């Protein structure tokens, strides 16, 4: 099922809507504006008196009426972390399936490290085991990339498996750098 990118009035991404949620927002009059090429129409029931079938045409990106919220802290979960790191172990450089990756704390939690974007990387199970309770320097396992916290545009891309071209164009304009995983 296709998802619709939800924006606030300032154009900041605020989540993904299901098709049904977007249809309800249109029907309530909550959609302030839309961006992107229209999607194929969604058909409803047939009106008894006229025999006409109802339909609604959606856009892939919609701004919803409501307040503007300052700040965004991207939630950290393995799914988006592994996508950020391109399903690549940041120690050995090999790509793996999600089930073969683990979350590694660059500075181990037991040594004062925190569970935040800037301190975690995707690691294969073998490298995570070898690194153990050490820093990358102590384990002689240098990181292949610096861990970073994605901005809200990058995070919304990482949080969704299937992103339409119009949605990608909108989000990628605010990416901090050219990202391998965004191609």
N, C-alpha and C. Protein backbone atom coordinates (compact mmCIF):
# COMPACT_ATOMS: atom_id res chain seq x y z
N UNK A 1 0.84 -1.18 0.00
CA UNK A 1 0.00 0.00 0.00
C UNK A 1 0.88 1.24 0.00
N UNK A 2 0.55 2.20 -0.83
CA UNK A 2 1.32 3.43 -0.96
C UNK A 2 1.10 4.35 0.23
N UNK A 3 2.15 5.01 0.68
CA UNK A 3 2.06 5.94 1.79
C UNK A 3 2.16 7.37 1.25
N UNK A 4 1.52 8.28 1.98
CA UNK A 4 1.51 9.69 1.63
C UNK A 4 2.38 10.42 2.66
N UNK A 5 3.29 11.27 2.19
CA UNK A 5 4.14 12.03 3.09
C UNK A 5 3.33 13.19 3.66
N UNK A 6 3.27 13.27 5.00
CA UNK A 6 2.52 14.32 5.68
C UNK A 6 3.47 15.43 6.10
N UNK A 7 3.11 16.66 5.76
CA UNK A 7 3.88 17.84 6.14
C UNK A 7 3.08 18.69 7.10
N UNK A 8 3.78 19.54 7.87
CA UNK A 8 3.07 20.56 8.62
C UNK A 8 2.95 21.79 7.70
N UNK A 9 2.35 22.85 8.18
CA UNK A 9 2.13 24.03 7.33
C UNK A 9 3.43 24.68 6.87
N UNK A 10 4.51 24.47 7.62
CA UNK A 10 5.81 25.04 7.25
C UNK A 10 6.56 24.17 6.25
N UNK A 11 5.98 23.05 5.86
CA UNK A 11 6.62 22.16 4.89
C UNK A 11 7.60 21.17 5.50
N UNK A 12 7.56 21.01 6.82
CA UNK A 12 8.43 20.06 7.50
C UNK A 12 7.76 18.69 7.53
N UNK A 13 8.48 17.62 7.17
CA UNK A 13 7.87 16.29 7.22
C UNK A 13 7.50 15.91 8.64
N UNK A 14 6.30 15.35 8.80
CA UNK A 14 5.79 14.97 10.12
C UNK A 14 5.33 13.54 10.20
N UNK A 15 5.52 12.77 9.14
CA UNK A 15 5.15 11.37 9.21
C UNK A 15 4.61 10.87 7.88
N UNK A 16 4.21 9.62 7.92
CA UNK A 16 3.64 8.96 6.74
C UNK A 16 2.21 8.59 7.05
N UNK A 17 1.32 8.84 6.09
CA UNK A 17 -0.09 8.49 6.23
C UNK A 17 -0.41 7.30 5.33
N UNK A 18 -1.30 6.47 5.79
CA UNK A 18 -1.82 5.42 4.92
C UNK A 18 -2.74 6.10 3.91
N UNK A 19 -3.08 5.39 2.86
CA UNK A 19 -4.00 5.92 1.86
C UNK A 19 -5.33 6.29 2.52
N UNK A 20 -5.82 5.43 3.40
CA UNK A 20 -7.09 5.69 4.09
C UNK A 20 -7.01 6.94 4.96
N UNK A 21 -5.91 7.13 5.68
CA UNK A 21 -5.74 8.33 6.51
C UNK A 21 -5.71 9.59 5.65
N UNK A 22 -5.05 9.51 4.51
CA UNK A 22 -4.99 10.67 3.61
C UNK A 22 -6.37 10.98 3.03
N UNK A 23 -7.11 9.94 2.65
CA UNK A 23 -8.47 10.15 2.13
C UNK A 23 -9.33 10.82 3.20
N UNK A 24 -9.22 10.39 4.43
CA UNK A 24 -9.98 10.99 5.53
C UNK A 24 -9.59 12.45 5.72
N UNK A 25 -8.29 12.77 5.62
CA UNK A 25 -7.83 14.16 5.75
C UNK A 25 -8.41 15.03 4.64
N UNK A 26 -8.44 14.51 3.42
CA UNK A 26 -9.05 15.25 2.30
C UNK A 26 -10.54 15.46 2.56
N UNK A 27 -11.23 14.40 2.98
CA UNK A 27 -12.68 14.47 3.21
C UNK A 27 -13.03 15.45 4.34
N UNK A 28 -12.20 15.53 5.38
CA UNK A 28 -12.43 16.47 6.49
C UNK A 28 -12.07 17.90 6.13
N UNK A 29 -11.36 18.09 5.02
CA UNK A 29 -10.91 19.43 4.64
C UNK A 29 -9.65 19.86 5.36
N UNK A 30 -8.89 18.89 5.88
CA UNK A 30 -7.67 19.20 6.63
C UNK A 30 -6.45 19.43 5.74
N UNK A 31 -6.55 19.08 4.46
CA UNK A 31 -5.41 19.24 3.56
C UNK A 31 -5.35 20.69 3.09
N UNK A 32 -4.24 21.36 3.41
CA UNK A 32 -4.06 22.76 3.04
C UNK A 32 -3.48 22.87 1.63
N UNK A 33 -2.51 22.04 1.32
CA UNK A 33 -1.96 22.00 -0.03
C UNK A 33 -1.31 20.65 -0.28
N UNK A 34 -1.13 20.35 -1.55
CA UNK A 34 -0.49 19.11 -1.96
C UNK A 34 0.65 19.40 -2.91
N UNK A 35 1.59 18.48 -2.97
CA UNK A 35 2.76 18.61 -3.85
C UNK A 35 2.92 17.31 -4.61
N UNK A 36 3.29 17.44 -5.88
CA UNK A 36 3.60 16.26 -6.69
C UNK A 36 2.48 15.91 -7.65
N UNK A 37 2.81 15.04 -8.58
CA UNK A 37 1.84 14.58 -9.57
C UNK A 37 0.75 13.79 -8.87
N UNK A 38 -0.47 14.01 -9.33
CA UNK A 38 -1.62 13.30 -8.76
C UNK A 38 -1.45 11.80 -8.91
N UNK A 39 -1.87 11.08 -7.88
CA UNK A 39 -1.87 9.63 -7.91
C UNK A 39 -3.13 9.16 -8.62
N UNK A 40 -3.19 7.90 -9.03
CA UNK A 40 -4.43 7.40 -9.64
C UNK A 40 -5.60 7.59 -8.68
N UNK A 41 -6.79 7.90 -9.20
CA UNK A 41 -7.93 8.15 -8.32
C UNK A 41 -8.31 6.90 -7.51
N UNK A 42 -8.84 7.18 -6.33
CA UNK A 42 -9.35 6.11 -5.47
C UNK A 42 -10.87 6.19 -5.56
N UNK A 43 -11.49 5.07 -5.89
CA UNK A 43 -12.94 5.06 -6.11
C UNK A 43 -13.68 4.60 -4.86
N UNK A 44 -14.83 5.21 -4.66
CA UNK A 44 -15.68 4.85 -3.54
C UNK A 44 -16.94 4.16 -4.03
N UNK A 45 -18.02 4.40 -3.32
CA UNK A 45 -19.29 3.76 -3.66
C UNK A 45 -20.04 4.47 -4.77
N UNK A 46 -21.15 3.85 -5.16
CA UNK A 46 -22.01 4.41 -6.20
C UNK A 46 -23.20 5.07 -5.52
N UNK A 47 -23.42 6.32 -5.91
CA UNK A 47 -24.54 7.06 -5.32
C UNK A 47 -25.85 6.52 -5.87
N UNK A 48 -26.77 6.19 -4.97
CA UNK A 48 -28.02 5.55 -5.35
C UNK A 48 -28.87 6.43 -6.28
N UNK A 49 -28.99 7.70 -5.95
CA UNK A 49 -29.88 8.57 -6.74
C UNK A 49 -29.33 8.92 -8.11
N UNK A 50 -28.03 9.13 -8.23
CA UNK A 50 -27.47 9.55 -9.52
C UNK A 50 -26.80 8.42 -10.28
N UNK A 51 -26.41 7.38 -9.57
CA UNK A 51 -25.70 6.29 -10.21
C UNK A 51 -24.22 6.60 -10.45
N UNK A 52 -23.76 7.76 -9.95
CA UNK A 52 -22.36 8.14 -10.13
C UNK A 52 -21.49 7.54 -9.04
N UNK A 53 -20.31 7.18 -9.43
CA UNK A 53 -19.37 6.61 -8.47
C UNK A 53 -18.47 7.72 -7.94
N UNK A 54 -18.29 7.76 -6.64
CA UNK A 54 -17.43 8.79 -6.05
C UNK A 54 -15.96 8.41 -6.26
N UNK A 55 -15.12 9.44 -6.30
CA UNK A 55 -13.68 9.22 -6.41
C UNK A 55 -12.95 10.40 -5.78
N UNK A 56 -11.73 10.16 -5.41
CA UNK A 56 -10.89 11.21 -4.85
C UNK A 56 -9.49 11.03 -5.42
N UNK A 57 -8.87 12.15 -5.77
CA UNK A 57 -7.53 12.13 -6.32
C UNK A 57 -6.59 12.72 -5.27
N UNK A 58 -5.54 11.99 -4.94
CA UNK A 58 -4.60 12.39 -3.90
C UNK A 58 -3.28 12.81 -4.53
N UNK A 59 -2.51 13.57 -3.76
CA UNK A 59 -1.14 13.87 -4.16
C UNK A 59 -0.21 13.13 -3.20
N UNK A 60 1.02 12.85 -3.62
CA UNK A 60 1.92 12.04 -2.79
C UNK A 60 2.46 12.75 -1.55
N UNK A 61 2.33 14.07 -1.52
CA UNK A 61 2.80 14.87 -0.39
C UNK A 61 1.69 15.85 -0.05
N UNK A 62 1.25 15.86 1.22
CA UNK A 62 0.19 16.79 1.61
C UNK A 62 0.52 17.48 2.93
N UNK A 63 0.17 18.76 2.99
CA UNK A 63 0.32 19.53 4.22
C UNK A 63 -1.03 19.52 4.93
N UNK A 64 -1.00 19.18 6.20
CA UNK A 64 -2.21 19.04 7.00
C UNK A 64 -2.36 20.24 7.94
N UNK A 65 -3.58 20.72 8.07
CA UNK A 65 -3.91 21.79 9.01
C UNK A 65 -3.46 21.40 10.41
N UNK A 66 -2.93 22.34 11.15
CA UNK A 66 -2.51 22.07 12.52
C UNK A 66 -1.35 22.95 12.91
N UNK A 67 -0.88 22.75 14.12
CA UNK A 67 0.19 23.60 14.60
C UNK A 67 1.55 23.14 14.09
N UNK A 68 2.47 24.09 14.06
CA UNK A 68 3.84 23.82 13.64
C UNK A 68 4.64 23.51 14.90
N UNK A 69 5.34 22.39 14.88
CA UNK A 69 6.11 21.96 16.03
C UNK A 69 7.59 22.18 15.72
N UNK A 70 8.24 22.94 16.59
CA UNK A 70 9.68 23.17 16.41
C UNK A 70 10.47 21.95 16.87
N UNK A 71 11.54 21.69 16.17
CA UNK A 71 12.44 20.61 16.56
C UNK A 71 11.92 19.24 16.17
N UNK A 72 12.85 18.36 15.92
CA UNK A 72 12.52 16.98 15.58
C UNK A 72 13.68 16.11 16.04
N UNK A 73 13.39 15.13 16.83
CA UNK A 73 14.39 14.17 17.26
C UNK A 73 14.07 12.84 16.59
N UNK A 74 14.90 12.42 15.64
CA UNK A 74 14.59 11.17 14.94
C UNK A 74 14.71 9.97 15.87
N UNK A 75 13.64 9.18 15.98
CA UNK A 75 13.73 7.99 16.82
C UNK A 75 14.78 7.02 16.27
N UNK A 76 15.49 6.41 17.18
CA UNK A 76 16.54 5.46 16.80
C UNK A 76 15.99 4.04 16.89
N UNK A 77 16.03 3.34 15.78
CA UNK A 77 15.69 1.92 15.77
C UNK A 77 16.62 1.24 14.78
N UNK A 78 16.77 -0.05 14.92
CA UNK A 78 17.72 -0.78 14.07
C UNK A 78 17.37 -0.67 12.59
N UNK A 79 16.10 -0.67 12.27
CA UNK A 79 15.69 -0.63 10.86
C UNK A 79 16.23 0.62 10.17
N UNK A 80 16.03 1.80 10.79
CA UNK A 80 16.51 3.03 10.17
C UNK A 80 18.03 3.16 10.31
N UNK A 81 18.59 2.66 11.40
CA UNK A 81 20.04 2.68 11.58
C UNK A 81 20.71 1.87 10.47
N UNK A 82 20.22 0.66 10.22
CA UNK A 82 20.82 -0.19 9.20
C UNK A 82 20.67 0.43 7.81
N UNK A 83 19.54 1.10 7.57
CA UNK A 83 19.38 1.79 6.28
C UNK A 83 20.34 2.97 6.18
N UNK A 84 20.51 3.70 7.30
CA UNK A 84 21.47 4.81 7.28
C UNK A 84 22.85 4.32 6.87
N UNK A 85 23.25 3.17 7.41
CA UNK A 85 24.58 2.61 7.14
C UNK A 85 24.59 1.70 5.91
N UNK A 86 23.53 1.76 5.12
CA UNK A 86 23.44 1.02 3.85
C UNK A 86 23.57 -0.49 4.05
N UNK A 87 23.06 -0.99 5.18
CA UNK A 87 23.15 -2.41 5.51
C UNK A 87 24.59 -2.92 5.43
N UNK A 88 25.51 -2.04 5.77
CA UNK A 88 26.93 -2.34 5.69
C UNK A 88 27.53 -2.31 7.09
N UNK A 89 28.34 -3.30 7.40
CA UNK A 89 29.07 -3.30 8.66
C UNK A 89 30.11 -2.18 8.56
N UNK A 90 30.09 -1.25 9.48
CA UNK A 90 31.02 -0.13 9.40
C UNK A 90 32.41 -0.47 9.93
N UNK A 91 32.65 -1.75 10.18
CA UNK A 91 33.99 -2.21 10.55
C UNK A 91 34.64 -2.97 9.39
N UNK A 92 33.97 -3.98 8.86
CA UNK A 92 34.56 -4.76 7.77
C UNK A 92 34.15 -4.26 6.39
N UNK A 93 33.06 -3.50 6.31
CA UNK A 93 32.63 -2.92 5.04
C UNK A 93 31.71 -3.78 4.19
N UNK A 94 31.43 -5.00 4.63
CA UNK A 94 30.56 -5.89 3.85
C UNK A 94 29.08 -5.55 4.10
N UNK A 95 28.26 -5.79 3.09
CA UNK A 95 26.82 -5.60 3.23
C UNK A 95 26.18 -6.89 3.70
N UNK A 96 25.13 -6.75 4.52
CA UNK A 96 24.45 -7.91 5.10
C UNK A 96 22.94 -7.69 5.07
N UNK A 97 22.20 -8.80 5.23
CA UNK A 97 20.76 -8.71 5.45
C UNK A 97 20.53 -8.15 6.85
N UNK A 98 19.36 -7.59 7.06
CA UNK A 98 19.04 -7.00 8.35
C UNK A 98 19.23 -7.99 9.50
N UNK A 99 18.84 -9.24 9.27
CA UNK A 99 18.92 -10.26 10.33
C UNK A 99 20.37 -10.60 10.70
N UNK A 100 21.33 -10.22 9.86
CA UNK A 100 22.74 -10.53 10.11
C UNK A 100 23.49 -9.35 10.73
N UNK A 101 22.79 -8.24 10.96
CA UNK A 101 23.41 -7.04 11.53
C UNK A 101 23.02 -6.84 12.98
N UNK A 102 23.85 -6.12 13.70
CA UNK A 102 23.58 -5.75 15.08
C UNK A 102 23.87 -4.26 15.23
N UNK A 103 23.37 -3.70 16.32
CA UNK A 103 23.68 -2.31 16.67
C UNK A 103 24.90 -2.32 17.57
N UNK A 104 25.95 -1.64 17.14
CA UNK A 104 27.15 -1.56 17.97
C UNK A 104 27.31 -0.15 18.50
N UNK A 105 27.65 -0.05 19.76
CA UNK A 105 27.92 1.25 20.38
C UNK A 105 29.41 1.52 20.24
N UNK A 106 29.75 2.59 19.52
CA UNK A 106 31.15 2.93 19.28
C UNK A 106 31.89 3.05 20.61
N UNK A 107 31.36 3.86 21.52
CA UNK A 107 31.83 3.86 22.90
C UNK A 107 30.84 3.00 23.66
N UNK A 108 31.25 1.82 24.12
CA UNK A 108 30.31 0.90 24.77
C UNK A 108 29.52 1.56 25.91
N UNK A 109 28.28 1.15 26.05
CA UNK A 109 27.40 1.68 27.09
C UNK A 109 28.01 1.45 28.47
N UNK A 110 28.64 0.29 28.65
CA UNK A 110 29.24 -0.03 29.95
C UNK A 110 30.39 0.91 30.30
N UNK A 111 30.85 1.66 29.30
CA UNK A 111 31.97 2.59 29.52
C UNK A 111 31.53 4.04 29.36
N UNK A 112 30.22 4.26 29.49
CA UNK A 112 29.70 5.64 29.44
C UNK A 112 29.12 6.05 28.12
N UNK A 113 29.12 5.17 27.12
CA UNK A 113 28.53 5.50 25.82
C UNK A 113 27.01 5.56 25.91
N UNK A 114 26.42 6.29 25.02
CA UNK A 114 24.96 6.44 25.03
C UNK A 114 24.36 5.79 23.80
N UNK A 115 23.08 5.52 23.89
CA UNK A 115 22.34 4.91 22.79
C UNK A 115 21.73 6.02 21.94
N UNK A 116 22.59 6.72 21.19
CA UNK A 116 22.12 7.79 20.31
C UNK A 116 22.81 7.66 18.96
N UNK A 117 22.21 8.30 17.97
CA UNK A 117 22.65 8.17 16.59
C UNK A 117 24.15 8.36 16.42
N UNK A 118 24.71 9.32 17.12
CA UNK A 118 26.12 9.66 16.94
C UNK A 118 27.07 8.63 17.58
N UNK A 119 26.53 7.65 18.30
CA UNK A 119 27.36 6.66 18.97
C UNK A 119 27.05 5.22 18.55
N UNK A 120 26.21 5.03 17.55
CA UNK A 120 25.87 3.67 17.13
C UNK A 120 26.11 3.49 15.64
N UNK A 121 26.48 2.27 15.29
CA UNK A 121 26.69 1.91 13.89
C UNK A 121 26.17 0.50 13.65
N UNK A 122 25.93 0.20 12.39
CA UNK A 122 25.60 -1.18 12.02
C UNK A 122 26.89 -1.99 12.02
N UNK A 123 26.82 -3.18 12.59
CA UNK A 123 27.98 -4.08 12.62
C UNK A 123 27.50 -5.50 12.40
N UNK A 124 28.28 -6.25 11.64
CA UNK A 124 27.95 -7.67 11.49
C UNK A 124 28.20 -8.33 12.85
N UNK A 125 27.59 -9.47 13.02
CA UNK A 125 27.70 -10.15 14.31
C UNK A 125 29.15 -10.50 14.65
N UNK A 126 29.91 -10.89 13.65
CA UNK A 126 31.31 -11.26 13.89
C UNK A 126 32.11 -10.06 14.37
N UNK A 127 32.01 -8.93 13.66
CA UNK A 127 32.77 -7.74 14.05
C UNK A 127 32.33 -7.22 15.42
N UNK A 128 31.05 -7.28 15.69
CA UNK A 128 30.56 -6.82 17.00
C UNK A 128 31.14 -7.70 18.10
N UNK A 129 31.22 -8.99 17.86
CA UNK A 129 31.78 -9.92 18.83
C UNK A 129 33.27 -9.67 19.04
N UNK A 130 33.99 -9.45 17.93
CA UNK A 130 35.44 -9.21 18.02
C UNK A 130 35.72 -7.87 18.72
N UNK A 131 34.97 -6.86 18.40
CA UNK A 131 35.17 -5.54 19.02
C UNK A 131 34.89 -5.60 20.51
N UNK A 132 33.88 -6.36 20.88
CA UNK A 132 33.52 -6.61 22.28
C UNK A 132 33.30 -5.30 23.03
N UNK A 133 33.92 -5.13 24.16
CA UNK A 133 33.70 -3.98 25.04
C UNK A 133 34.79 -2.93 24.87
N UNK A 134 35.28 -2.78 23.63
CA UNK A 134 36.38 -1.86 23.36
C UNK A 134 35.92 -0.74 22.44
N UNK A 135 36.71 0.31 22.37
CA UNK A 135 36.48 1.35 21.37
C UNK A 135 37.07 0.82 20.06
N UNK A 136 36.72 1.40 18.94
CA UNK A 136 37.31 0.95 17.67
C UNK A 136 38.84 1.04 17.68
N UNK A 137 39.38 2.08 18.31
CA UNK A 137 40.84 2.22 18.37
C UNK A 137 41.47 1.10 19.19
N UNK A 138 40.89 0.80 20.33
CA UNK A 138 41.43 -0.26 21.20
C UNK A 138 41.37 -1.62 20.51
N UNK A 139 40.34 -1.83 19.71
CA UNK A 139 40.17 -3.12 19.03
C UNK A 139 40.89 -3.15 17.68
N UNK A 140 41.56 -2.06 17.32
CA UNK A 140 42.21 -1.93 15.99
C UNK A 140 41.22 -2.21 14.87
N UNK A 141 40.02 -1.63 15.03
CA UNK A 141 38.95 -1.79 14.03
C UNK A 141 38.40 -0.40 13.70
N UNK A 142 39.11 0.35 12.87
CA UNK A 142 38.67 1.72 12.58
C UNK A 142 37.31 1.74 11.87
N UNK A 143 36.51 2.74 12.21
CA UNK A 143 35.22 2.93 11.56
C UNK A 143 35.42 3.37 10.12
N UNK A 144 34.58 2.87 9.22
CA UNK A 144 34.65 3.25 7.81
C UNK A 144 33.89 4.53 7.52
N UNK A 145 33.04 4.96 8.45
CA UNK A 145 32.28 6.20 8.29
C UNK A 145 31.95 6.73 9.68
N UNK A 146 31.71 8.02 9.75
CA UNK A 146 31.37 8.65 11.02
C UNK A 146 29.87 8.53 11.24
N UNK A 147 29.45 8.01 12.39
CA UNK A 147 28.00 7.92 12.64
C UNK A 147 27.41 9.32 12.80
N UNK A 148 26.21 9.51 12.27
CA UNK A 148 25.57 10.83 12.33
C UNK A 148 24.08 10.67 12.61
N UNK A 149 23.50 11.72 13.15
CA UNK A 149 22.06 11.76 13.37
C UNK A 149 21.41 12.33 12.11
N UNK A 150 20.52 11.57 11.46
CA UNK A 150 19.87 12.09 10.26
C UNK A 150 18.94 13.25 10.61
N UNK A 151 18.85 14.22 9.70
CA UNK A 151 17.87 15.28 9.93
C UNK A 151 16.49 14.72 9.63
N UNK A 152 15.45 15.51 9.84
CA UNK A 152 14.10 14.97 9.70
C UNK A 152 13.77 14.56 8.27
N UNK A 153 14.36 15.19 7.28
CA UNK A 153 14.11 14.81 5.89
C UNK A 153 14.77 13.46 5.60
N UNK A 154 16.02 13.31 6.04
CA UNK A 154 16.72 12.03 5.85
C UNK A 154 16.02 10.92 6.61
N UNK A 155 15.61 11.19 7.86
CA UNK A 155 14.97 10.16 8.66
C UNK A 155 13.66 9.69 8.02
N UNK A 156 12.86 10.61 7.49
CA UNK A 156 11.59 10.20 6.87
C UNK A 156 11.84 9.32 5.65
N UNK A 157 12.93 9.57 4.94
CA UNK A 157 13.28 8.69 3.83
C UNK A 157 13.69 7.32 4.37
N UNK A 158 14.55 7.30 5.38
CA UNK A 158 15.04 6.04 5.94
C UNK A 158 13.93 5.21 6.57
N UNK A 159 12.89 5.86 7.07
CA UNK A 159 11.81 5.17 7.78
C UNK A 159 10.85 4.46 6.83
N UNK A 160 10.95 4.70 5.54
CA UNK A 160 9.99 4.13 4.58
C UNK A 160 10.71 3.27 3.55
N UNK A 161 10.18 2.09 3.30
CA UNK A 161 10.79 1.18 2.31
C UNK A 161 10.57 1.67 0.88
N UNK A 162 9.35 2.11 0.59
CA UNK A 162 9.00 2.54 -0.78
C UNK A 162 8.67 4.01 -0.76
N UNK A 163 9.47 4.81 -1.47
CA UNK A 163 9.26 6.25 -1.54
C UNK A 163 9.06 6.62 -3.01
N UNK A 164 7.97 7.34 -3.28
CA UNK A 164 7.70 7.76 -4.65
C UNK A 164 8.69 8.82 -5.11
N UNK A 165 8.85 8.98 -6.42
CA UNK A 165 9.82 9.92 -6.98
C UNK A 165 9.57 11.35 -6.47
N UNK A 166 8.31 11.81 -6.45
CA UNK A 166 8.01 13.16 -5.97
C UNK A 166 8.38 13.31 -4.49
N UNK A 167 8.14 12.29 -3.71
CA UNK A 167 8.49 12.32 -2.30
C UNK A 167 10.01 12.36 -2.13
N UNK A 168 10.72 11.56 -2.92
CA UNK A 168 12.19 11.54 -2.87
C UNK A 168 12.76 12.89 -3.26
N UNK A 169 12.22 13.49 -4.32
CA UNK A 169 12.69 14.81 -4.75
C UNK A 169 12.51 15.82 -3.63
N UNK A 170 11.36 15.80 -2.98
CA UNK A 170 11.08 16.75 -1.90
C UNK A 170 12.02 16.54 -0.72
N UNK A 171 12.16 15.31 -0.28
CA UNK A 171 12.99 15.02 0.89
C UNK A 171 14.47 15.25 0.62
N UNK A 172 14.95 14.79 -0.54
CA UNK A 172 16.39 14.83 -0.81
C UNK A 172 16.93 16.24 -0.98
N UNK A 173 16.08 17.21 -1.23
CA UNK A 173 16.54 18.60 -1.33
C UNK A 173 17.11 19.10 0.00
N UNK A 174 16.73 18.44 1.09
CA UNK A 174 17.18 18.86 2.41
C UNK A 174 18.16 17.87 3.06
N UNK A 175 18.67 16.91 2.28
CA UNK A 175 19.68 16.00 2.81
C UNK A 175 20.96 16.81 3.03
N UNK A 176 21.69 16.50 4.08
CA UNK A 176 22.90 17.26 4.42
C UNK A 176 24.03 17.02 3.43
N UNK A 177 24.04 15.88 2.79
CA UNK A 177 25.11 15.53 1.84
C UNK A 177 24.56 14.50 0.86
N UNK A 178 25.34 14.20 -0.16
CA UNK A 178 24.97 13.15 -1.09
C UNK A 178 25.09 11.82 -0.35
N UNK A 179 24.00 11.06 -0.29
CA UNK A 179 23.98 9.82 0.46
C UNK A 179 23.90 8.64 -0.48
N UNK A 180 24.78 7.64 -0.29
CA UNK A 180 24.77 6.45 -1.13
C UNK A 180 23.42 5.74 -1.07
N UNK A 181 22.80 5.70 0.12
CA UNK A 181 21.55 4.99 0.29
C UNK A 181 20.37 5.71 -0.35
N UNK A 182 20.57 6.91 -0.83
CA UNK A 182 19.46 7.68 -1.41
C UNK A 182 19.37 7.51 -2.93
N UNK A 183 20.12 6.58 -3.49
CA UNK A 183 20.10 6.41 -4.96
C UNK A 183 19.40 5.14 -5.33
